[in-house]
Amino acid sequence: MLDPELLERITARRAELDELEEQLAKQLAEVRAERDELAVAERVLERVSEQLADERASAAPTAAGQVGGQAVILIPQRAPGVEEVTLPPEYQRILAAVRQAAGPVMARQVGEVLGVDISVRGKLEPLRGKLIRLADRGWPRKLPDGRFTTRL
């Protein structure tokens, strides 16, 4: 005859294992769902990265030179007969944003017009550098308070 206590233990253990199996199946489903989401995110990131690379390549300056074996963007000095179209496209957009403003503007305001994430210093500072580079070459004018305005 079978021991009733032993049968009870076997039944209890079977119930524990059934519950564990259910929990593991649920975890496995969650892991698979997250893995699928990551795969989608990775594909989106690759696509966006390719688009950005294409945009950067198409916006690459035609006026480039070599300094120490490195390609550099040449921003020409503003002078009679030197047209704005000689500037790289990105610099043309920056200058257009300054021109469209109702008055003197800060780099932050230009960034807003251009769609730059101005809350990130690492994205705003390069824009400020480009504005200063343009001003140093006579395109916009930099005021003592750090704002930029168009030249007359």
C-alpha atoms as a PDB file:
ATOM      1  CA  MET A   1       0.000   0.000   0.000  1.00  0.00           C
ATOM      2  CA  LEU A   2       1.228   3.551  -0.841  1.00  0.00           C
ATOM      3  CA  ASP A   3       2.135   5.861   1.961  1.00  0.00           C
ATOM      4  CA  PRO A   4      -0.488   8.696   2.085  1.00  0.00           C
ATOM      5  CA  GLU A   5       2.108  11.155   3.393  1.00  0.00           C
ATOM      6  CA  LEU A   6       4.420  10.393   0.470  1.00  0.00           C
ATOM      7  CA  LEU A   7       1.564  10.821  -2.026  1.00  0.00           C
ATOM      8  CA  GLU A   8       0.734  14.183  -0.448  1.00  0.00           C
ATOM      9  CA  ARG A   9       4.356  15.316  -0.803  1.00  0.00           C
ATOM     10  CA  ILE A  10       4.449  14.253  -4.454  1.00  0.00           C
ATOM     11  CA  THR A  11       1.199  16.116  -5.158  1.00  0.00           C
ATOM     12  CA  ALA A  12       2.480  19.258  -3.374  1.00  0.00           C
ATOM     13  CA  ARG A  13       5.773  19.142  -5.293  1.00  0.00           C
ATOM     14  CA  ARG A  14       3.929  18.691  -8.595  1.00  0.00           C
ATOM     15  CA  ALA A  15       1.827  21.795  -7.782  1.00  0.00           C
ATOM     16  CA  GLU A  16       5.011  23.768  -6.994  1.00  0.00           C
ATOM     17  CA  LEU A  17       6.585  22.713 -10.279  1.00  0.00           C
ATOM     18  CA  ASP A  18       3.417  23.578 -12.222  1.00  0.00           C
ATOM     19  CA  GLU A  19       3.447  27.060 -10.663  1.00  0.00           C
ATOM     20  CA  LEU A  20       7.170  27.476 -11.427  1.00  0.00           C
ATOM     21  CA  GLU A  21       6.591  26.387 -15.021  1.00  0.00           C
ATOM     22  CA  GLU A  22       3.841  28.990 -15.372  1.00  0.00           C
ATOM     23  CA  GLN A  23       6.117  31.734 -13.984  1.00  0.00           C
ATOM     24  CA  LEU A  24       8.993  30.743 -16.261  1.00  0.00           C
ATOM     25  CA  ALA A  25       6.717  30.653 -19.317  1.00  0.00           C
ATOM     26  CA  LYS A  26       5.539  34.165 -18.455  1.00  0.00           C
ATOM     27  CA  GLN A  27       9.145  35.383 -18.029  1.00  0.00           C
ATOM     28  CA  LEU A  28      10.153  33.765 -21.300  1.00  0.00           C
ATOM     29  CA  ALA A  29       7.304  35.535 -23.107  1.00  0.00           C
ATOM     30  CA  GLU A  30       8.404  38.875 -21.585  1.00  0.00           C
ATOM     31  CA  VAL A  31      12.042  38.284 -22.578  1.00  0.00           C
ATOM     32  CA  ARG A  32      11.046  37.435 -26.150  1.00  0.00           C
ATOM     33  CA  ALA A  33       8.809  40.520 -26.381  1.00  0.00           C
ATOM     34  CA  GLU A  34      11.611  42.779 -25.128  1.00  0.00           C
ATOM     35  CA  ARG A  35      14.098  41.174 -27.525  1.00  0.00           C
ATOM     36  CA  ASP A  36      11.687  41.851 -30.411  1.00  0.00           C
ATOM     37  CA  GLU A  37      11.333  45.490 -29.289  1.00  0.00           C
ATOM     38  CA  LEU A  38      15.119  45.859 -29.179  1.00  0.00           C
ATOM     39  CA  ALA A  39      15.430  44.430 -32.675  1.00  0.00           C
ATOM     40  CA  VAL A  40      12.916  46.994 -33.950  1.00  0.00           C
ATOM     41  CA  ALA A  41      14.733  49.799 -32.088  1.00  0.00           C
ATOM     42  CA  GLU A  42      18.039  48.687 -33.600  1.00  0.00           C
ATOM     43  CA  ARG A  43      16.584  48.737 -37.139  1.00  0.00           C
ATOM     44  CA  VAL A  44      15.116  52.218 -36.569  1.00  0.00           C
ATOM     45  CA  LEU A  45      18.444  53.473 -35.194  1.00  0.00           C
ATOM     46  CA  GLU A  46      20.322  52.066 -38.200  1.00  0.00           C
ATOM     47  CA  ARG A  47      17.852  53.691 -40.597  1.00  0.00           C
ATOM     48  CA  VAL A  48      18.070  57.077 -38.834  1.00  0.00           C
ATOM     49  CA  SER A  49      21.876  56.853 -38.720  1.00  0.00           C
ATOM     50  CA  GLU A  50      21.977  56.144 -42.454  1.00  0.00           C
ATOM     51  CA  GLN A  51      19.659  59.099 -43.132  1.00  0.00           C
ATOM     52  CA  LEU A  52      21.845  61.400 -41.020  1.00  0.00           C
ATOM     53  CA  ALA A  53      24.961  60.168 -42.789  1.00  0.00           C
ATOM     54  CA  ASP A  54      23.305  60.798 -46.166  1.00  0.00           C
ATOM     55  CA  GLU A  55      22.226  64.302 -45.077  1.00  0.00           C
ATOM     56  CA  ARG A  56      25.727  65.082 -43.828  1.00  0.00           C
ATOM     57  CA  ALA A  57      27.233  63.792 -47.056  1.00  0.00           C
ATOM     58  CA  SER A  58      24.870  65.873 -49.193  1.00  0.00           C
ATOM     59  CA  ALA A  59      25.525  68.938 -47.012  1.00  0.00           C
ATOM     60  CA  ALA A  60      29.280  68.443 -47.204  1.00  0.00           C
ATOM     61  CA  PRO A  61      30.950  71.664 -48.147  1.00  0.00           C
ATOM     62  CA  THR A  62      32.227  72.102 -51.631  1.00  0.00           C
ATOM     63  CA  ALA A  63      34.721  74.696 -50.420  1.00  0.00           C
ATOM     64  CA  ALA A  64      37.046  72.395 -48.511  1.00  0.00           C
ATOM     65  CA  GLY A  65      40.756  72.596 -48.153  1.00  0.00           C
ATOM     66  CA  GLN A  66      43.568  70.609 -46.585  1.00  0.00           C
ATOM     67  CA  VAL A  67      45.435  71.655 -43.464  1.00  0.00           C
ATOM     68  CA  GLY A  68      47.939  69.215 -42.043  1.00  0.00           C
ATOM     69  CA  GLY A  69      46.366  66.430 -44.080  1.00  0.00           C
ATOM     70  CA  GLN A  70      42.931  67.135 -42.555  1.00  0.00           C
ATOM     71  CA  ALA A  71      39.946  68.347 -44.563  1.00  0.00           C
ATOM     72  CA  VAL A  72      38.681  71.691 -43.293  1.00  0.00           C
ATOM     73  CA  ILE A  73      35.726  73.858 -44.212  1.00  0.00           C
ATOM     74  CA  LEU A  74      36.731  77.140 -45.708  1.00  0.00           C
ATOM     75  CA  ILE A  75      34.568  80.055 -44.684  1.00  0.00           C
ATOM     76  CA  PRO A  76      35.502  82.895 -47.007  1.00  0.00           C
ATOM     77  CA  GLN A  77      35.970  86.423 -45.744  1.00  0.00           C
ATOM     78  CA  ARG A  78      32.998  88.587 -46.632  1.00  0.00           C
ATOM     79  CA  ALA A  79      34.006  91.007 -49.365  1.00  0.00           C
ATOM     80  CA  PRO A  80      32.438  92.730 -52.356  1.00  0.00           C
ATOM     81  CA  GLY A  81      31.717  90.127 -54.987  1.00  0.00           C
ATOM     82  CA  VAL A  82      31.840  87.203 -52.526  1.00  0.00           C
ATOM     83  CA  GLU A  83      28.355  85.743 -52.534  1.00  0.00           C
ATOM     84  CA  GLU A  84      26.673  83.972 -49.640  1.00  0.00           C
ATOM     85  CA  VAL A  85      26.317  80.872 -51.844  1.00  0.00           C
ATOM     86  CA  THR A  86      30.072  80.322 -51.443  1.00  0.00           C
ATOM     87  CA  LEU A  87      29.377  79.372 -47.822  1.00  0.00           C
ATOM     88  CA  PRO A  88      28.714  75.710 -46.979  1.00  0.00           C
ATOM     89  CA  PRO A  89      24.938  74.991 -46.830  1.00  0.00           C
ATOM     90  CA  GLU A  90      24.910  74.669 -43.039  1.00  0.00           C
ATOM     91  CA  TYR A  91      26.468  78.113 -42.667  1.00  0.00           C
ATOM     92  CA  GLN A  92      23.990  79.540 -45.184  1.00  0.00           C
ATOM     93  CA  ARG A  93      21.122  78.224 -42.990  1.00  0.00           C
ATOM     94  CA  ILE A  94      22.715  79.768 -39.890  1.00  0.00           C
ATOM     95  CA  LEU A  95      23.075  83.132 -41.639  1.00  0.00           C
ATOM     96  CA  ALA A  96      19.468  82.930 -42.895  1.00  0.00           C
ATOM     97  CA  ALA A  97      18.244  82.305 -39.330  1.00  0.00           C
ATOM     98  CA  VAL A  98      20.107  85.413 -38.106  1.00  0.00           C
ATOM     99  CA  ARG A  99      18.683  87.438 -41.003  1.00  0.00           C
ATOM    100  CA  GLN A 100      15.087  86.282 -40.330  1.00  0.00           C
ATOM    101  CA  ALA A 101      15.208  87.419 -36.703  1.00  0.00           C
ATOM    102  CA  ALA A 102      13.472  90.672 -35.810  1.00  0.00           C
ATOM    103  CA  GLY A 103      16.646  91.918 -34.133  1.00  0.00           C
ATOM    104  CA  PRO A 104      19.889  90.703 -32.567  1.00  0.00           C
ATOM    105  CA  VAL A 105      19.754  87.023 -31.566  1.00  0.00           C
ATOM    106  CA  MET A 106      21.590  84.686 -29.228  1.00  0.00           C
ATOM    107  CA  ALA A 107      23.009  81.379 -30.462  1.00  0.00           C
ATOM    108  CA  ARG A 108      20.191  79.641 -28.536  1.00  0.00           C
ATOM    109  CA  GLN A 109      17.547  81.435 -30.638  1.00  0.00           C
ATOM    110  CA  VAL A 110      19.325  80.513 -33.869  1.00  0.00           C
ATOM    111  CA  GLY A 111      19.448  76.906 -32.638  1.00  0.00           C
ATOM    112  CA  GLU A 112      15.691  76.939 -32.024  1.00  0.00           C
ATOM    113  CA  VAL A 113      15.071  78.143 -35.597  1.00  0.00           C
ATOM    114  CA  LEU A 114      17.396  75.470 -36.991  1.00  0.00           C
ATOM    115  CA  GLY A 115      15.883  72.686 -34.862  1.00  0.00           C
ATOM    116  CA  VAL A 116      19.004  72.117 -32.741  1.00  0.00           C
ATOM    117  CA  ASP A 117      18.402  70.543 -29.321  1.00  0.00           C
ATOM    118  CA  ILE A 118      19.411  73.671 -27.384  1.00  0.00           C
ATOM    119  CA  SER A 119      18.994  71.953 -24.009  1.00  0.00           C
ATOM    120  CA  VAL A 120      22.153  69.953 -24.780  1.00  0.00           C
ATOM    121  CA  ARG A 121      25.263  72.092 -24.401  1.00  0.00           C
ATOM    122  CA  GLY A 122      27.209  69.773 -26.690  1.00  0.00           C
ATOM    123  CA  LYS A 123      24.853  70.637 -29.536  1.00  0.00           C
ATOM    124  CA  LEU A 124      24.567  74.372 -28.840  1.00  0.00           C
ATOM    125  CA  GLU A 125      28.288  75.115 -28.466  1.00  0.00           C
ATOM    126  CA  PRO A 126      29.262  73.946 -31.985  1.00  0.00           C
ATOM    127  CA  LEU A 127      26.532  76.234 -33.359  1.00  0.00           C
ATOM    128  CA  ARG A 128      27.889  79.133 -31.286  1.00  0.00           C
ATOM    129  CA  GLY A 129      31.354  78.376 -32.700  1.00  0.00           C
ATOM    130  CA  LYS A 130      30.023  78.517 -36.253  1.00  0.00           C
ATOM    131  CA  LEU A 131      28.293  81.828 -35.557  1.00  0.00           C
ATOM    132  CA  ILE A 132      31.525  83.253 -34.166  1.00  0.00           C
ATOM    133  CA  ARG A 133      33.483  81.900 -37.164  1.00  0.00           C
ATOM    134  CA  LEU A 134      31.012  83.593 -39.516  1.00  0.00           C
ATOM    135  CA  ALA A 135      31.201  86.851 -37.539  1.00  0.00           C
ATOM    136  CA  ASP A 136      35.017  86.730 -37.535  1.00  0.00           C
ATOM    137  CA  ARG A 137      34.868  86.620 -41.333  1.00  0.00           C
ATOM    138  CA  GLY A 138      32.412  89.503 -41.559  1.00  0.00           C
ATOM    139  CA  TRP A 139      29.136  87.738 -42.373  1.00  0.00           C
ATOM    140  CA  PRO A 140      26.946  88.525 -39.340  1.00  0.00           C
ATOM    141  CA  ARG A 141      28.052  91.011 -36.701  1.00  0.00           C
ATOM    142  CA  LYS A 142      28.699  89.920 -33.133  1.00  0.00           C
ATOM    143  CA  LEU A 143      27.599  92.471 -30.566  1.00  0.00           C
ATOM    144  CA  PRO A 144      29.484  92.962 -27.270  1.00  0.00           C
ATOM    145  CA  ASP A 145      26.658  91.213 -25.355  1.00  0.00           C
ATOM    146  CA  GLY A 146      27.166  88.017 -27.394  1.00  0.00           C
ATOM    147  CA  ARG A 147      24.172  88.460 -29.696  1.00  0.00           C
ATOM    148  CA  PHE A 148      24.435  88.316 -33.465  1.00  0.00           C
ATOM    149  CA  THR A 149      22.861  90.558 -36.062  1.00  0.00           C
ATOM    150  CA  THR A 150      23.095  91.017 -39.821  1.00  0.00           C
ATOM    151  CA  ARG A 151      25.462  93.546 -41.307  1.00  0.00           C
ATOM    152  CA  LEU A 152      23.996  96.421 -43.239  1.00  0.00           C
END
